[in-house]
Amino acid sequence: MKDTTASSGLGRHPVEERLGSGTLPDEDVIAALRLGWNMAIAYQNPPPMSPTTASSSHPGDHLPGFSSFTAAEVAAVRRGKIEGDVKRLGLGDALQSLFESWDTASSDQYKQALIELFVKQHIKLAGLDSRLVTALGLGRMLADTVYLPTSQNPEQLATSFEENRIDTGQRWLEELRRQLPAGAAAAVIGSLDQWQKRASQIDAEQVTEALTRRLRKQGELWRRLLCGETAVADQLTGSDYVRASAALAQRFGATAIEYSKHWYALILLMLPAVALFIWAILQTGIPAETRLLSVVAALLGTLGISWKTIGGSLGRIFAAIEQPLWEAAVSEAAVHACTLPMPSEIQNDSAFRDVRNRRGRQA
């Protein structure tokens, strides 16, 4: 495995400093996560035993896009990705049995070879770094979450977003937070929460092709964020920062209100003393025309001391919590920015709204 301890010469995006873990991403952890993702998809999509005609057999005006590749060519691309990450992690000796029969094995033989390779990877990575095993499992879990549900198997959506399963994935993300790109773990944790809520509001008959396509697109965004192919900061727009600023102001206000409650006792204790002081002024021989000025001065002095004490203490608290509160606000905005909207036909479906409202009342 490559040494990832050396510092990169590239500066970080300023927002990444607010979002980030404070360390550079661990490229081996990312490779293990990507490997788990690609192996899960490869397992679900065995290559055809008789490769179809190559996409380049009928030349056109331009090179074919990936969507034009045949199933065999797509499988070959995935094989290349798996091979690259397996070799990076020092697991190349486990590839031979799989790739020798890649194009000739039956679907069952191919899947059995993948299972054996996956188990071997687990065993070897466990002896190197437990975080690599966690990353491998996380990649597999996320790919299964978004690729297994289909309109032909709608019940799988509820299974994919089952509470204990999502909790496990979120725990793995939390464990790997410092090894992943800035803000990526927190954004995906929050986005998984959003999709889990959505899945609980969708009935099986609403699991359409549009929904499963959107879910897979969401999964690809999660993968790109976690693998550093796109930055969380790049997903944020001006409206996201406005939302974060509003959340920060609201938290500051709540902090000020909560803090002021602790000064009620002091204020109540000071009122009798101020009243006694004013009474003493009124009983002295001070000329009547100056008594009012003396009373006002006493009140202003008391209020000034109180505000100086409270304001100074509150200011120090705000200075201490400003950065963590802003980071939390930006992280919440990032979750919103990194969660794709539901397909319009689902959002507008009256049955979906009824289920959502009914389950919201039950909660």
Protein backbone atom coordinates (compact mmCIF):
# COMPACT_ATOMS: atom_id res chain seq x y z
CA MET A 1 0.00 0.00 0.00
CA LYS A 2 1.16 3.51 -0.71
CA ASP A 3 2.29 5.89 2.02
CA THR A 4 -0.47 8.44 2.63
CA THR A 5 1.17 10.28 5.50
CA ALA A 6 2.99 12.80 3.35
CA SER A 7 1.27 16.15 3.08
CA SER A 8 -0.14 17.22 -0.23
CA GLY A 9 1.19 20.47 -1.64
CA LEU A 10 -2.32 21.53 -2.61
CA GLY A 11 -4.25 23.97 -0.43
CA ARG A 12 -7.70 23.08 0.82
CA HIS A 13 -10.91 24.80 -0.15
CA PRO A 14 -11.75 27.35 2.62
CA VAL A 15 -15.14 25.75 3.18
CA GLU A 16 -13.45 22.37 3.56
CA GLU A 17 -11.64 23.80 6.58
CA ARG A 18 -15.08 24.37 8.12
CA LEU A 19 -16.38 20.96 7.05
CA GLY A 20 -13.31 18.87 7.45
CA SER A 21 -11.73 16.36 9.73
CA GLY A 22 -8.44 18.22 9.88
CA THR A 23 -6.48 15.44 8.15
CA LEU A 24 -5.80 14.43 4.57
CA PRO A 25 -7.97 11.61 3.18
CA ASP A 26 -6.45 8.14 3.43
CA GLU A 27 -6.18 6.88 -0.14
CA ASP A 28 -6.02 3.23 0.95
CA VAL A 29 -9.29 3.57 2.90
CA ILE A 30 -10.87 5.18 -0.17
CA ALA A 31 -9.54 2.37 -2.39
CA ALA A 32 -11.04 -0.25 -0.05
CA LEU A 33 -14.40 1.56 -0.05
CA ARG A 34 -14.39 1.83 -3.84
CA LEU A 35 -13.44 -1.86 -4.11
CA GLY A 36 -16.37 -2.92 -1.93
CA TRP A 37 -18.72 -0.78 -4.04
CA ASN A 38 -17.52 -2.18 -7.38
CA MET A 39 -17.50 -5.78 -6.17
CA ALA A 40 -21.10 -5.48 -4.96
CA ILE A 41 -22.23 -4.17 -8.34
CA ALA A 42 -20.15 -6.80 -10.16
CA TYR A 43 -21.81 -9.50 -8.08
CA GLN A 44 -25.27 -8.22 -9.05
CA ASN A 45 -24.34 -8.00 -12.74
CA PRO A 46 -22.34 -11.06 -13.92
CA PRO A 47 -20.70 -10.62 -17.35
CA PRO A 48 -22.42 -12.45 -20.22
CA MET A 49 -20.88 -15.84 -21.08
CA SER A 50 -21.19 -14.98 -24.79
CA PRO A 51 -20.10 -11.36 -25.17
CA THR A 52 -22.37 -9.32 -27.42
CA THR A 53 -21.17 -7.36 -30.41
CA ALA A 54 -18.74 -4.64 -29.41
CA SER A 55 -20.07 -1.11 -29.43
CA SER A 56 -17.26 -0.15 -31.83
CA SER A 57 -18.25 -2.70 -34.52
CA HIS A 58 -20.42 -0.11 -36.27
CA PRO A 59 -18.35 3.09 -36.34
CA GLY A 60 -20.30 6.32 -36.12
CA ASP A 61 -19.43 9.99 -36.22
CA HIS A 62 -17.98 10.00 -32.69
CA LEU A 63 -16.58 7.68 -30.08
CA PRO A 64 -19.28 5.84 -28.09
CA GLY A 65 -20.21 7.01 -24.63
CA PHE A 66 -20.24 4.64 -21.67
CA SER A 67 -24.02 4.28 -21.97
CA SER A 68 -23.44 2.77 -25.41
CA PHE A 69 -21.10 0.04 -24.13
CA THR A 70 -22.30 -3.55 -24.27
CA ALA A 71 -22.84 -5.55 -21.08
CA ALA A 72 -19.53 -7.32 -21.65
CA GLU A 73 -17.68 -4.01 -22.08
CA VAL A 74 -19.28 -2.55 -18.96
CA ALA A 75 -18.22 -5.67 -17.05
CA ALA A 76 -14.68 -5.29 -18.40
CA VAL A 77 -14.52 -1.68 -17.20
CA ARG A 78 -15.69 -2.77 -13.77
CA ARG A 79 -13.11 -5.55 -13.80
CA GLY A 80 -10.40 -2.96 -14.47
CA LYS A 81 -11.53 -0.85 -11.52
CA ILE A 82 -11.56 -3.88 -9.23
CA GLU A 83 -8.15 -4.97 -10.43
CA GLY A 84 -6.63 -1.53 -9.85
CA ASP A 85 -7.85 -1.26 -6.26
CA VAL A 86 -7.01 -4.87 -5.42
CA LYS A 87 -3.43 -4.32 -6.56
CA ARG A 88 -3.17 -1.00 -4.74
CA LEU A 89 -4.13 -2.74 -1.50
CA GLY A 90 -1.59 -5.52 -2.05
CA LEU A 91 -4.21 -8.19 -2.75
CA GLY A 92 -3.22 -8.98 -6.33
CA ASP A 93 -2.59 -12.68 -5.66
CA ALA A 94 -6.31 -13.12 -5.00
CA LEU A 95 -7.28 -11.99 -8.49
CA GLN A 96 -5.99 -14.88 -10.55
CA SER A 97 -8.76 -17.40 -9.85
CA LEU A 98 -11.46 -14.83 -10.58
CA PHE A 99 -10.08 -13.31 -13.76
CA GLU A 100 -9.00 -16.62 -15.31
CA SER A 101 -12.67 -17.58 -15.68
CA TRP A 102 -14.17 -14.07 -15.94
CA ASP A 103 -15.54 -14.56 -19.48
CA THR A 104 -16.23 -18.30 -19.39
CA ALA A 105 -17.74 -19.06 -15.99
CA SER A 106 -21.43 -19.50 -15.45
CA SER A 107 -23.26 -16.92 -13.36
CA ASP A 108 -23.13 -19.13 -10.27
CA GLN A 109 -19.43 -19.91 -10.75
CA TYR A 110 -18.66 -16.24 -11.25
CA LYS A 111 -20.55 -15.24 -8.09
CA GLN A 112 -18.87 -17.99 -6.08
CA ALA A 113 -15.45 -16.75 -7.24
CA LEU A 114 -16.39 -13.20 -6.20
CA ILE A 115 -17.49 -14.41 -2.77
CA GLU A 116 -14.18 -16.24 -2.30
CA LEU A 117 -12.25 -13.14 -3.37
CA PHE A 118 -14.28 -10.93 -1.03
CA VAL A 119 -13.64 -13.24 1.94
CA LYS A 120 -9.91 -13.40 1.15
CA GLN A 121 -9.79 -9.62 1.04
CA HIS A 122 -11.49 -9.37 4.42
CA ILE A 123 -9.03 -11.78 6.00
CA LYS A 124 -5.94 -10.10 4.57
CA LEU A 125 -7.09 -6.52 5.22
CA ALA A 126 -8.00 -7.43 8.81
CA GLY A 127 -4.33 -8.19 9.39
CA LEU A 128 -3.27 -4.85 7.93
CA ASP A 129 -5.73 -2.26 9.23
CA SER A 130 -9.25 -2.74 10.60
CA ARG A 131 -10.32 0.53 8.97
CA LEU A 132 -9.73 -1.02 5.55
CA VAL A 133 -12.13 -3.84 6.41
CA THR A 134 -14.69 -1.28 7.57
CA ALA A 135 -14.28 0.69 4.33
CA LEU A 136 -14.66 -2.47 2.23
CA GLY A 137 -17.88 -3.36 4.02
CA LEU A 138 -19.17 0.22 3.78
CA GLY A 139 -18.68 0.32 0.01
CA ARG A 140 -20.52 -2.99 -0.38
CA MET A 141 -23.35 -1.87 1.92
CA LEU A 142 -23.93 1.43 0.12
CA ALA A 143 -23.92 -0.20 -3.34
CA ASP A 144 -26.42 -2.84 -2.21
CA THR A 145 -28.59 -0.13 -0.65
CA VAL A 146 -29.08 1.76 -3.89
CA TYR A 147 -28.80 -0.96 -6.55
CA LEU A 148 -30.84 -3.83 -5.11
CA PRO A 149 -34.26 -2.08 -5.02
CA THR A 150 -36.04 -2.29 -8.38
CA SER A 151 -39.57 -1.82 -9.62
CA GLN A 152 -39.71 -5.63 -9.99
CA ASN A 153 -38.55 -6.08 -6.38
CA PRO A 154 -40.17 -3.10 -4.61
CA GLU A 155 -40.09 -4.65 -1.12
CA GLN A 156 -36.30 -4.40 -1.21
CA LEU A 157 -36.50 -0.62 -0.68
CA ALA A 158 -37.77 -1.10 2.89
CA THR A 159 -35.13 -3.79 3.48
CA SER A 160 -32.33 -1.55 2.17
CA PHE A 161 -33.30 1.23 4.56
CA GLU A 162 -34.09 -0.96 7.54
CA GLU A 163 -33.16 0.94 10.72
CA ASN A 164 -30.45 -1.38 12.09
CA ARG A 165 -28.84 -1.68 8.66
CA ILE A 166 -28.64 2.10 8.17
CA ASP A 167 -27.41 2.56 11.75
CA THR A 168 -24.55 0.16 11.01
CA GLY A 169 -23.58 2.05 7.84
CA GLN A 170 -23.69 5.37 9.68
CA ARG A 171 -21.51 3.97 12.46
CA TRP A 172 -18.95 2.86 9.89
CA LEU A 173 -19.01 6.31 8.31
CA GLU A 174 -18.44 7.88 11.72
CA GLU A 175 -15.50 5.55 12.37
CA LEU A 176 -13.93 6.54 9.02
CA ARG A 177 -14.74 10.26 9.25
CA ARG A 178 -11.10 11.34 9.61
CA GLN A 179 -9.89 9.11 6.76
CA LEU A 180 -12.47 10.39 4.25
CA PRO A 181 -12.59 13.73 2.37
CA ALA A 182 -13.66 16.83 4.29
CA GLY A 183 -17.32 16.73 5.33
CA ALA A 184 -18.11 13.64 3.24
CA ALA A 185 -18.96 11.28 6.09
CA ALA A 186 -21.28 13.78 7.82
CA ALA A 187 -23.04 14.63 4.54
CA VAL A 188 -23.68 10.97 3.68
CA ILE A 189 -24.79 10.16 7.26
CA GLY A 190 -27.37 12.95 7.07
CA SER A 191 -28.43 12.04 3.55
CA LEU A 192 -28.98 8.40 4.58
CA ASP A 193 -31.28 9.70 7.32
CA GLN A 194 -33.29 11.64 4.75
CA TRP A 195 -33.66 8.64 2.45
CA GLN A 196 -34.56 6.37 5.34
CA LYS A 197 -37.44 8.72 6.21
CA ARG A 198 -38.53 8.76 2.57
CA ALA A 199 -38.43 4.97 2.32
CA SER A 200 -40.70 4.70 5.37
CA GLN A 201 -43.28 6.89 3.57
CA ILE A 202 -43.33 4.96 0.29
CA ASP A 203 -45.58 1.99 -0.39
CA ALA A 204 -44.41 -0.87 -2.61
CA GLU A 205 -46.58 0.19 -5.56
CA GLN A 206 -44.82 3.57 -5.59
CA VAL A 207 -41.38 2.03 -6.19
CA THR A 208 -41.16 3.01 -9.87
CA GLU A 209 -38.32 3.04 -12.35
CA ALA A 210 -38.04 6.81 -11.82
CA LEU A 211 -37.57 6.30 -8.09
CA THR A 212 -34.98 3.54 -8.42
CA ARG A 213 -33.05 5.59 -11.01
CA ARG A 214 -33.02 8.54 -8.61
CA LEU A 215 -31.86 6.29 -5.77
CA ARG A 216 -28.98 4.96 -7.87
CA LYS A 217 -28.04 8.48 -8.88
CA GLN A 218 -28.04 9.41 -5.19
CA GLY A 219 -25.81 6.44 -4.44
CA GLU A 220 -23.35 7.49 -7.12
CA LEU A 221 -23.19 10.94 -5.53
CA TRP A 222 -22.48 9.36 -2.14
CA ARG A 223 -19.69 7.30 -3.71
CA ARG A 224 -18.14 10.32 -5.45
CA LEU A 225 -18.20 12.33 -2.22
CA LEU A 226 -16.64 9.54 -0.16
CA CYS A 227 -14.01 8.77 -2.79
CA GLY A 228 -13.04 12.42 -3.27
CA GLU A 229 -14.21 12.59 -6.88
CA THR A 230 -16.37 15.60 -5.97
CA ALA A 231 -16.10 17.84 -2.90
CA VAL A 232 -18.91 18.52 -0.46
CA ALA A 233 -18.04 22.22 -0.65
CA ASP A 234 -18.70 22.18 -4.40
CA GLN A 235 -22.29 21.04 -3.78
CA LEU A 236 -23.10 24.13 -1.68
CA THR A 237 -24.84 27.10 -3.31
CA GLY A 238 -25.55 30.62 -2.12
CA SER A 239 -28.93 29.58 -0.73
CA ASP A 240 -27.21 26.85 1.30
CA TYR A 241 -24.98 29.45 2.98
CA VAL A 242 -28.01 31.65 3.66
CA ARG A 243 -29.65 28.64 5.30
CA ALA A 244 -26.51 28.00 7.37
CA SER A 245 -26.30 31.65 8.46
CA ALA A 246 -29.95 31.64 9.54
CA ALA A 247 -29.37 28.46 11.54
CA LEU A 248 -26.30 30.02 13.19
CA ALA A 249 -28.24 33.16 14.17
CA GLN A 250 -31.02 31.01 15.61
CA ARG A 251 -28.55 29.01 17.69
CA PHE A 252 -26.86 32.17 18.97
CA GLY A 253 -30.26 33.51 20.01
CA ALA A 254 -31.15 30.29 21.79
CA THR A 255 -27.77 30.32 23.55
CA ALA A 256 -28.28 33.93 24.71
CA ILE A 257 -31.76 33.17 26.07
CA GLU A 258 -30.60 30.05 27.87
CA TYR A 259 -27.58 31.87 29.30
CA SER A 260 -29.65 34.82 30.54
CA LYS A 261 -31.74 32.46 32.68
CA HIS A 262 -28.74 31.98 34.95
CA TRP A 263 -28.68 35.73 35.73
CA TYR A 264 -32.26 36.02 36.93
CA ALA A 265 -31.26 35.25 40.51
CA LEU A 266 -28.53 37.92 40.45
CA ILE A 267 -30.92 40.52 39.05
CA LEU A 268 -33.55 39.69 41.66
CA LEU A 269 -30.95 39.94 44.43
CA MET A 270 -29.77 43.31 43.15
CA LEU A 271 -33.25 44.90 43.06
CA PRO A 272 -33.64 45.21 46.88
CA ALA A 273 -30.14 46.65 47.15
CA VAL A 274 -30.88 49.21 44.44
CA ALA A 275 -34.21 50.08 46.09
CA LEU A 276 -32.49 50.55 49.46
CA PHE A 277 -29.82 52.71 47.85
CA ILE A 278 -32.45 54.92 46.19
CA TRP A 279 -34.39 55.17 49.50
CA ALA A 280 -31.20 56.29 51.26
CA ILE A 281 -30.63 58.98 48.62
CA LEU A 282 -34.14 60.26 49.07
CA GLN A 283 -33.72 60.45 52.85
CA THR A 284 -30.51 62.47 52.74
CA GLY A 285 -30.26 66.21 52.65
CA ILE A 286 -29.46 66.29 48.97
CA PRO A 287 -31.34 69.14 47.32
CA ALA A 288 -34.53 68.04 45.64
CA GLU A 289 -33.38 69.22 42.21
CA THR A 290 -30.39 66.86 42.31
CA ARG A 291 -32.13 63.85 43.86
CA LEU A 292 -33.56 62.72 40.50
CA LEU A 293 -30.11 62.88 38.91
CA SER A 294 -28.70 60.84 41.80
CA VAL A 295 -31.38 58.17 41.44
CA VAL A 296 -30.88 57.94 37.65
CA ALA A 297 -27.13 57.73 38.11
CA ALA A 298 -27.55 54.91 40.64
CA LEU A 299 -29.80 52.94 38.27
CA LEU A 300 -27.53 53.47 35.28
CA GLY A 301 -24.51 52.47 37.32
CA THR A 302 -26.15 49.27 38.49
CA LEU A 303 -27.39 48.39 35.00
CA GLY A 304 -24.00 49.22 33.54
CA ILE A 305 -22.18 46.92 35.92
CA SER A 306 -24.72 44.15 35.31
CA TRP A 307 -24.56 44.43 31.49
CA LYS A 308 -20.77 44.64 31.55
CA THR A 309 -20.63 41.44 33.57
CA ILE A 310 -23.26 39.58 31.55
CA GLY A 311 -22.23 40.93 28.15
CA GLY A 312 -18.54 40.24 28.68
CA SER A 313 -19.17 36.68 29.81
CA LEU A 314 -21.63 36.04 26.96
CA GLY A 315 -19.19 37.49 24.45
CA ARG A 316 -16.50 35.05 25.57
CA ILE A 317 -18.96 32.18 25.20
CA PHE A 318 -19.93 33.28 21.68
CA ALA A 319 -16.27 33.51 20.70
CA ALA A 320 -15.69 29.96 21.93
CA ILE A 321 -18.72 28.38 20.24
CA GLU A 322 -18.80 30.37 16.99
CA GLN A 323 -16.65 27.97 14.95
CA PRO A 324 -18.27 24.68 16.09
CA LEU A 325 -21.76 26.17 15.65
CA TRP A 326 -20.90 27.41 12.16
CA GLU A 327 -19.41 24.04 11.26
CA ALA A 328 -22.59 22.34 12.44
CA ALA A 329 -24.74 24.79 10.44
CA VAL A 330 -22.68 24.28 7.27
CA SER A 331 -22.80 20.49 7.76
CA GLU A 332 -26.60 20.62 7.96
CA ALA A 333 -26.71 22.73 4.80
CA ALA A 334 -24.37 20.21 3.14
CA VAL A 335 -26.77 17.37 3.93
CA HIS A 336 -29.53 19.31 2.15
CA ALA A 337 -27.24 20.04 -0.82
CA CYS A 338 -26.06 16.43 -1.10
CA THR A 339 -29.53 14.85 -0.96
CA LEU A 340 -31.26 14.62 -4.32
CA PRO A 341 -34.97 15.52 -4.44
CA MET A 342 -37.58 12.85 -4.95
CA PRO A 343 -38.91 12.35 -8.49
CA SER A 344 -41.74 14.79 -9.17
CA GLU A 345 -44.29 12.05 -9.79
CA ILE A 346 -43.63 10.65 -6.31
CA GLN A 347 -43.77 14.06 -4.64
CA ASN A 348 -47.07 14.84 -6.36
CA ASP A 349 -48.63 11.43 -5.69
CA SER A 350 -51.57 11.93 -3.32
CA ALA A 351 -51.06 8.42 -1.94
CA PHE A 352 -47.47 9.30 -1.02
CA ARG A 353 -48.65 12.45 0.77
CA ASP A 354 -51.32 10.47 2.64
CA VAL A 355 -48.80 7.87 3.81
CA ARG A 356 -46.29 10.57 4.78
CA ASN A 357 -48.89 12.53 6.76
CA ARG A 358 -50.31 9.43 8.42
CA ARG A 359 -46.92 8.15 9.54
CA GLY A 360 -45.90 11.65 10.60
CA ARG A 361 -48.89 11.78 12.95
CA GLN A 362 -48.10 8.32 14.31
CA ALA A 363 -44.52 9.41 15.05
